[in-house]
Amino acid sequence: MSVLCREIIKELETFAPKQLAEDWDNVGLTVGDKNKAVNKILVALDVIPDVIQEAIDMGADMIVTHHPMILFQKIKNIQADDMLGKKIYALIQNGISAYCAHTNLDIAFGGTNDTLAALAGLENIEILEQTNAESLKKIVVYIPKGHENAVREAMCNAGAGFIGKYSDCTFSTEGTGTFLPREGTKPFLGEQGTLERVEEVRLETIAPQNKVSAVIEAMKKAHPYEEPAYDIYAVEQCGKRYGIGRIGTLKQPMSFEEYSLFLKDKLQLDAIRIVGKKDKKIKTVALCTGSGVEFMEQAKKMGADAYLTGDMKFHEAQRALELELCVADVTHYASEVLVVPILKQFLEQKSLQNDWNIEVVESSVNGQVFHHI
């Protein structure tokens, strides 16, 4: 079956949640109708004219990209004879929606930075600079003895009970609960008008803020009481940390020159710009896809021998030399186009899981703007 645009967006935002995006960013549906049926999706890095024409030619209903079509422009009008206006006109006239996941995809696990880190041969990968941390809540529920396992399983299956790489983390204590069923109730235990004393289990666990509603709903379905008693507490600690950039180690150290040639081959570059001593031994490598020079000093603080990014300027290169940090400018495009097949694969997996009858196509447009002669 075909699928509505909003259903595709909902799945994409499980991969790269919008709340992860930087405040200055413009992510989500830029052009289009959330309620329009989608049969074919084109995945690309940018919404450039060649990509739009490619979508028109193949009859695509939606373009999913990493880069936003509208970011820093101040739009006062939309006219068919200017560059941005032409793109918007072409999309609307051909019924094509345009959706982007930008810095939220950079930050998301499995997104652009993790993809480049894997290709760059890194192990023991960590976040370079934290941008977000999951807010947690403590949930406490009181359960008649003998029913606590069913309630615990339901809550944990809904997303509660994760601490680091451990799941199903709960704590329980036994005690006595009291309640008096009033007129109109249908008590699981006891009778109307009689005070009941019941052996109960106090079950407590932790859950991310964005999963609390689902956990409570699951708890109520599994709980035998008509009106379960439960509490939700704010806690000081945070859950999963999110951030921009990555840092990791190579399996075997190599010279910066050797590592640069390795990157050139892996990224299929016709040349690679490097800054620093070619014979320096490289073991710890940090990176940020796109334009990430601003995190270069953080990379040095975290012990990086080399740093990978794009769009490096002359004075930034001078600063890298002062820091004694080797830097490879792998270009903005080459560092991020790697995520296009990842997005395609994700959408195809969701199509199978949800029984969608859609086609997902990876763009054949080469958007690299820099070439060497």
Protein backbone atom coordinates (compact mmCIF):
# COMPACT_ATOMS: atom_id res chain seq x y z
CA MET A 1 0.00 0.00 0.00
CA SER A 2 1.07 3.61 -0.50
CA VAL A 3 1.76 5.63 2.63
CA LEU A 4 1.05 9.17 3.76
CA CYS A 5 3.93 11.61 3.92
CA ARG A 6 3.39 12.16 7.66
CA GLU A 7 3.85 8.44 8.36
CA ILE A 8 7.23 8.49 6.61
CA ILE A 9 8.21 11.59 8.59
CA LYS A 10 7.18 9.87 11.84
CA GLU A 11 9.55 6.98 11.11
CA LEU A 12 12.41 9.27 10.02
CA GLU A 13 12.11 11.12 13.31
CA THR A 14 12.56 7.91 15.28
CA PHE A 15 16.01 7.76 13.63
CA ALA A 16 16.86 11.46 13.87
CA PRO A 17 14.48 13.15 16.36
CA LYS A 18 13.85 16.82 15.60
CA GLN A 19 14.61 17.83 19.20
CA LEU A 20 18.26 16.84 18.66
CA ALA A 21 18.72 19.58 16.03
CA GLU A 22 20.68 22.74 16.86
CA ASP A 23 18.54 25.80 17.66
CA TRP A 24 19.62 27.64 14.49
CA ASP A 25 18.74 24.75 12.21
CA ASN A 26 15.69 24.26 9.98
CA VAL A 27 14.77 20.60 9.86
CA GLY A 28 11.63 18.71 8.93
CA LEU A 29 9.17 19.16 6.07
CA THR A 30 10.19 22.26 4.10
CA VAL A 31 7.74 21.98 1.20
CA GLY A 32 4.78 19.66 0.80
CA ASP A 33 1.57 18.17 2.18
CA LYS A 34 1.86 15.80 5.15
CA ASN A 35 -1.38 14.10 4.12
CA LYS A 36 -0.35 13.36 0.52
CA ALA A 37 0.18 9.72 -0.49
CA VAL A 38 3.77 8.77 -1.29
CA ASN A 39 4.74 5.94 -3.64
CA LYS A 40 8.33 6.83 -4.54
CA ILE A 41 11.05 8.58 -2.50
CA LEU A 42 14.31 10.01 -3.80
CA VAL A 43 17.11 10.25 -1.21
CA ALA A 44 19.92 12.79 -1.77
CA LEU A 45 22.30 15.05 0.10
CA ASP A 46 20.88 18.37 -1.21
CA VAL A 47 17.73 19.71 -2.83
CA ILE A 48 19.56 21.18 -5.81
CA PRO A 49 18.00 21.75 -9.28
CA ASP A 50 19.53 18.56 -10.72
CA VAL A 51 18.06 16.49 -7.88
CA ILE A 52 14.63 18.09 -8.28
CA GLN A 53 14.72 17.33 -12.02
CA GLU A 54 15.78 13.76 -11.24
CA ALA A 55 12.76 13.45 -8.92
CA ILE A 56 10.43 14.86 -11.57
CA ASP A 57 11.79 12.51 -14.25
CA MET A 58 11.31 9.40 -12.12
CA GLY A 59 7.91 10.44 -10.76
CA ALA A 60 9.00 10.73 -7.12
CA ASP A 61 6.50 12.08 -4.61
CA MET A 62 9.05 12.99 -1.95
CA ILE A 63 12.71 14.00 -1.64
CA VAL A 64 14.51 13.21 1.62
CA THR A 65 17.83 15.02 2.12
CA HIS A 66 20.40 15.80 4.78
CA HIS A 67 20.85 19.48 3.92
CA PRO A 68 17.93 21.90 4.29
CA MET A 69 16.72 23.67 1.17
CA ILE A 70 15.96 26.78 3.26
CA LEU A 71 18.37 27.57 6.09
CA PHE A 72 19.89 31.02 6.43
CA GLN A 73 17.84 32.81 3.75
CA LYS A 74 15.36 35.47 4.87
CA ILE A 75 12.38 34.78 2.63
CA LYS A 76 10.22 37.83 1.93
CA ASN A 77 8.62 36.51 -1.24
CA ILE A 78 8.61 33.47 -3.51
CA GLN A 79 9.05 34.23 -7.18
CA ALA A 80 9.52 31.86 -10.09
CA ASP A 81 12.46 33.83 -11.52
CA ASP A 82 14.87 33.58 -8.57
CA MET A 83 16.98 30.57 -7.56
CA LEU A 84 15.07 29.51 -4.45
CA GLY A 85 11.70 30.39 -5.96
CA LYS A 86 12.36 28.16 -8.98
CA LYS A 87 13.02 25.20 -6.72
CA ILE A 88 9.92 25.79 -4.61
CA TYR A 89 7.77 26.25 -7.73
CA ALA A 90 9.13 23.06 -9.29
CA LEU A 91 8.41 21.04 -6.15
CA ILE A 92 4.87 22.34 -5.70
CA GLN A 93 3.92 22.13 -9.37
CA ASN A 94 5.04 18.50 -9.49
CA GLY A 95 3.53 17.51 -6.15
CA ILE A 96 6.89 16.68 -4.56
CA SER A 97 7.45 17.05 -0.82
CA ALA A 98 10.91 18.00 0.48
CA TYR A 99 12.02 16.79 3.91
CA CYS A 100 15.43 17.17 5.57
CA ALA A 101 17.21 15.83 8.65
CA HIS A 102 20.26 18.05 9.21
CA THR A 103 22.04 18.55 12.54
CA ASN A 104 19.65 16.07 14.15
CA LEU A 105 21.06 13.46 11.73
CA ASP A 106 24.61 14.60 12.56
CA ILE A 107 23.93 14.06 16.25
CA ALA A 108 21.77 10.92 16.03
CA PHE A 109 23.46 7.58 16.62
CA GLY A 110 23.94 5.88 13.27
CA GLY A 111 23.83 9.24 11.45
CA THR A 112 26.45 11.16 9.51
CA ASN A 113 29.20 11.25 12.15
CA ASP A 114 28.91 7.58 13.07
CA THR A 115 28.90 6.66 9.37
CA LEU A 116 32.12 8.60 8.72
CA ALA A 117 33.70 7.22 11.91
CA ALA A 118 33.06 3.66 10.75
CA LEU A 119 34.45 4.33 7.28
CA ALA A 120 37.49 6.05 8.81
CA GLY A 121 38.34 2.84 10.66
CA LEU A 122 37.61 4.05 14.19
CA GLU A 123 36.96 1.85 17.21
CA ASN A 124 35.96 2.74 20.80
CA ILE A 125 33.88 5.61 19.40
CA GLU A 126 32.63 8.36 21.72
CA ILE A 127 30.87 11.71 21.34
CA LEU A 128 33.19 14.64 20.65
CA GLU A 129 31.04 17.41 22.17
CA GLN A 130 27.80 16.83 24.05
CA THR A 131 24.75 18.79 22.87
CA ASN A 132 21.83 16.96 24.48
CA ALA A 133 21.11 14.59 27.35
CA GLU A 134 18.00 12.51 27.83
CA SER A 135 15.77 13.71 30.69
CA LEU A 136 14.77 10.88 33.02
CA LYS A 137 11.82 10.24 35.34
CA LYS A 138 11.46 7.79 38.23
CA ILE A 139 8.18 5.83 38.05
CA VAL A 140 6.83 4.05 41.14
CA VAL A 141 3.79 1.79 41.05
CA TYR A 142 2.05 -0.32 43.72
CA ILE A 143 1.00 -3.83 42.63
CA PRO A 144 -0.80 -6.67 44.47
CA LYS A 145 1.72 -9.41 45.26
CA GLY A 146 1.84 -12.04 42.55
CA HIS A 147 1.22 -9.63 39.67
CA GLU A 148 4.45 -7.65 39.81
CA ASN A 149 6.26 -9.62 37.08
CA ALA A 150 3.57 -8.98 34.46
CA VAL A 151 3.56 -5.25 35.23
CA ARG A 152 7.36 -5.07 35.29
CA GLU A 153 7.66 -6.78 31.90
CA ALA A 154 5.03 -4.48 30.36
CA MET A 155 6.77 -1.34 31.62
CA CYS A 156 10.24 -2.46 30.51
CA ASN A 157 8.96 -3.51 27.09
CA ALA A 158 7.55 0.01 26.72
CA GLY A 159 10.96 1.61 27.30
CA ALA A 160 11.50 1.75 31.06
CA GLY A 161 14.37 0.21 32.99
CA PHE A 162 17.39 1.13 30.88
CA ILE A 163 20.58 2.19 32.69
CA GLY A 164 23.49 2.42 30.27
CA LYS A 165 23.74 -0.92 28.46
CA TYR A 166 21.60 -2.70 31.08
CA SER A 167 17.88 -3.27 30.56
CA ASP A 168 15.02 -4.34 32.88
CA CYS A 169 16.48 -2.38 35.81
CA THR A 170 13.89 -2.17 38.61
CA PHE A 171 13.73 -2.31 42.40
CA SER A 172 10.91 -3.72 44.51
CA THR A 173 9.94 -3.73 48.18
CA GLU A 174 6.99 -5.36 49.92
CA GLY A 175 4.46 -3.64 52.15
CA THR A 176 0.80 -3.29 52.98
CA GLY A 177 -1.57 -1.20 50.90
CA THR A 178 -4.98 0.01 52.02
CA PHE A 179 -8.00 1.17 50.04
CA LEU A 180 -11.73 1.49 50.47
CA PRO A 181 -13.81 0.85 47.32
CA ARG A 182 -16.60 3.42 47.07
CA GLU A 183 -19.94 3.25 45.30
CA GLY A 184 -19.57 2.74 41.53
CA THR A 185 -16.24 0.91 41.74
CA LYS A 186 -15.47 -2.60 40.51
CA PRO A 187 -12.57 -3.60 42.75
CA PHE A 188 -10.19 -6.38 41.73
CA LEU A 189 -9.88 -7.23 45.42
CA GLY A 190 -12.30 -6.60 48.25
CA GLU A 191 -15.84 -5.23 48.43
CA GLN A 192 -17.49 -1.84 48.24
CA GLY A 193 -17.64 -0.09 51.59
CA THR A 194 -15.01 -2.28 53.26
CA LEU A 195 -11.45 -1.13 54.02
CA GLU A 196 -9.02 -3.57 52.47
CA ARG A 197 -5.46 -4.35 53.53
CA VAL A 198 -3.46 -6.00 50.76
CA GLU A 199 0.06 -7.31 50.47
CA GLU A 200 1.57 -5.19 47.72
CA VAL A 201 4.87 -4.69 45.95
CA ARG A 202 6.29 -1.21 45.39
CA LEU A 203 8.01 -1.39 42.00
CA GLU A 204 10.26 1.45 40.91
CA THR A 205 12.15 2.04 37.70
CA ILE A 206 13.52 4.77 35.45
CA ALA A 207 12.29 5.94 32.04
CA PRO A 208 13.21 8.63 29.51
CA GLN A 209 10.87 11.61 29.60
CA ASN A 210 9.66 10.97 26.04
CA LYS A 211 8.65 7.39 26.92
CA VAL A 212 6.86 8.05 30.21
CA SER A 213 3.38 8.19 28.65
CA ALA A 214 3.89 4.89 26.83
CA VAL A 215 5.26 3.24 29.99
CA ILE A 216 2.30 4.42 32.07
CA GLU A 217 -0.15 3.22 29.43
CA ALA A 218 1.53 -0.20 29.32
CA MET A 219 1.54 -0.38 33.12
CA LYS A 220 -2.19 0.34 33.33
CA LYS A 221 -3.01 -2.36 30.76
CA ALA A 222 -1.01 -4.97 32.67
CA HIS A 223 -2.09 -3.88 36.16
CA PRO A 224 -5.02 -5.80 37.69
CA TYR A 225 -6.40 -2.81 39.63
CA GLU A 226 -9.15 -0.62 38.23
CA GLU A 227 -7.24 2.46 39.45
CA PRO A 228 -3.51 1.72 39.89
CA ALA A 229 -1.63 3.94 42.32
CA TYR A 230 1.59 5.32 40.86
CA ASP A 231 3.99 8.26 41.22
CA ILE A 232 6.29 10.03 38.75
CA TYR A 233 9.36 11.83 40.13
CA ALA A 234 11.90 14.14 38.57
CA VAL A 235 15.49 12.94 38.98
CA GLU A 236 18.77 14.81 38.72
CA GLN A 237 20.73 12.32 36.62
CA CYS A 238 20.41 12.19 32.83
CA GLY A 239 20.08 9.26 30.50
CA LYS A 240 21.58 8.79 27.06
CA ARG A 241 23.97 11.55 25.99
CA TYR A 242 23.91 12.95 22.47
CA GLY A 243 26.47 15.12 20.76
CA ILE A 244 28.14 16.42 17.64
CA GLY A 245 31.28 14.82 16.23
CA ARG A 246 32.98 11.58 17.23
CA ILE A 247 36.37 10.48 18.56
CA GLY A 248 37.88 7.01 18.50
CA THR A 249 41.02 5.00 17.95
CA LEU A 250 42.57 3.17 15.03
CA LYS A 251 43.22 -0.54 15.35
CA GLN A 252 46.85 0.05 14.43
CA PRO A 253 48.73 3.39 14.49
CA MET A 254 49.94 4.71 11.14
CA SER A 255 51.63 7.83 9.84
CA PHE A 256 49.43 10.79 8.98
CA GLU A 257 50.45 10.43 5.34
CA GLU A 258 49.42 6.77 5.28
CA TYR A 259 46.14 7.57 7.02
CA SER A 260 45.40 10.43 4.61
CA LEU A 261 45.91 8.13 1.62
CA PHE A 262 43.62 5.58 3.30
CA LEU A 263 40.91 8.28 3.67
CA LYS A 264 41.39 9.46 0.09
CA ASP A 265 40.72 5.92 -1.13
CA LYS A 266 37.78 5.25 1.19
CA LEU A 267 36.08 8.57 0.35
CA GLN A 268 36.88 8.26 -3.37
CA LEU A 269 38.51 11.69 -3.47
CA ASP A 270 40.71 12.74 -6.40
CA ALA A 271 42.84 14.71 -3.91
CA ILE A 272 42.89 15.43 -0.19
CA ARG A 273 44.03 18.59 1.64
CA ILE A 274 46.02 17.95 4.79
CA VAL A 275 47.63 20.10 7.48
CA GLY A 276 50.36 18.84 9.80
CA LYS A 277 53.39 16.57 9.89
CA LYS A 278 53.07 13.71 7.43
CA ASP A 279 55.23 11.39 9.52
CA LYS A 280 53.32 11.91 12.78
CA LYS A 281 51.95 8.64 14.19
CA ILE A 282 48.16 8.67 14.33
CA LYS A 283 46.25 6.57 16.86
CA THR A 284 43.37 8.72 18.16
CA VAL A 285 41.18 10.42 15.56
CA ALA A 286 38.35 12.90 16.01
CA LEU A 287 35.96 14.10 13.33
CA CYS A 288 32.94 16.21 12.52
CA THR A 289 31.19 15.92 9.19
CA GLY A 290 30.43 18.96 7.05
CA SER A 291 31.85 22.23 8.41
CA GLY A 292 33.22 21.19 11.79
CA VAL A 293 36.39 23.21 12.25
CA GLU A 294 34.86 24.84 15.35
CA PHE A 295 35.32 21.56 17.26
CA MET A 296 39.03 21.26 16.42
CA GLU A 297 40.20 22.52 19.82
CA GLN A 298 37.83 20.14 21.59
CA ALA A 299 39.37 17.32 19.58
CA LYS A 300 42.83 18.36 20.79
CA LYS A 301 41.63 18.54 24.42
CA MET A 302 40.32 14.98 24.14
CA GLY A 303 43.68 13.73 22.96
CA ALA A 304 43.17 13.46 19.20
CA ASP A 305 46.25 13.09 17.02
CA ALA A 306 44.28 13.90 13.88
CA TYR A 307 40.99 15.57 13.01
CA LEU A 308 38.73 15.08 10.00
CA THR A 309 36.25 17.66 8.71
CA GLY A 310 35.51 19.90 5.72
CA ASP A 311 35.54 23.55 4.64
CA MET A 312 38.82 24.45 6.37
CA LYS A 313 40.16 28.01 5.87
CA PHE A 314 43.73 29.31 5.86
CA HIS A 315 43.78 30.81 9.37
CA GLU A 316 42.07 27.72 10.77
CA ALA A 317 44.85 25.64 9.23
CA GLN A 318 47.41 27.90 10.95
CA ARG A 319 45.64 27.27 14.26
CA ALA A 320 45.83 23.50 13.68
CA LEU A 321 49.60 23.80 13.25
CA GLU A 322 49.83 25.77 16.51
CA LEU A 323 47.86 23.00 18.23
CA GLU A 324 50.17 20.38 16.68
CA LEU A 325 47.01 18.66 15.41
CA CYS A 326 47.03 16.95 12.02
CA VAL A 327 43.89 17.83 10.04
CA ALA A 328 42.47 16.28 6.88
CA ASP A 329 39.94 18.36 4.95
CA VAL A 330 37.89 15.56 3.40
CA THR A 331 35.40 18.08 1.90
CA HIS A 332 31.94 18.89 3.11
CA TYR A 333 30.27 16.80 0.43
CA ALA A 334 32.37 13.63 0.73
CA SER A 335 32.06 13.56 4.53
CA GLU A 336 28.25 13.66 4.43
CA VAL A 337 27.08 12.02 1.20
CA LEU A 338 27.92 8.74 2.96
CA VAL A 339 24.65 9.01 4.88
CA VAL A 340 22.46 8.88 1.74
CA PRO A 341 22.59 5.07 1.42
CA ILE A 342 22.01 4.82 5.18
CA LEU A 343 18.77 6.81 4.84
CA LYS A 344 17.73 4.68 1.87
CA GLN A 345 18.35 1.48 3.82
CA PHE A 346 16.43 2.82 6.83
CA LEU A 347 13.38 3.73 4.71
CA GLU A 348 13.44 0.35 2.95
CA GLN A 349 13.52 -1.46 6.31
CA LYS A 350 10.57 0.60 7.58
CA SER A 351 8.72 -0.11 4.34
CA LEU A 352 9.08 -3.86 4.93
CA GLN A 353 8.14 -3.62 8.61
CA ASN A 354 5.06 -1.48 7.93
CA ASP A 355 4.00 -3.24 4.72
CA TRP A 356 4.35 -0.05 2.68
CA ASN A 357 4.34 -0.42 -1.09
CA ILE A 358 6.91 2.29 -1.81
CA GLU A 359 10.10 2.55 -3.84
CA VAL A 360 13.17 4.26 -2.38
CA VAL A 361 15.82 5.47 -4.83
CA GLU A 362 19.30 6.81 -4.10
CA SER A 363 20.11 9.91 -6.16
CA SER A 364 22.62 9.45 -8.98
CA VAL A 365 23.48 13.17 -9.01
CA ASN A 366 27.09 13.91 -8.04
CA GLY A 367 26.84 17.05 -5.94
CA GLN A 368 30.57 17.43 -5.30
CA VAL A 369 31.43 21.01 -6.28
CA PHE A 370 35.22 20.78 -5.91
CA HIS A 371 37.40 19.03 -8.49
CA HIS A 372 41.13 18.97 -9.12
CA ILE A 373 42.90 19.20 -12.48
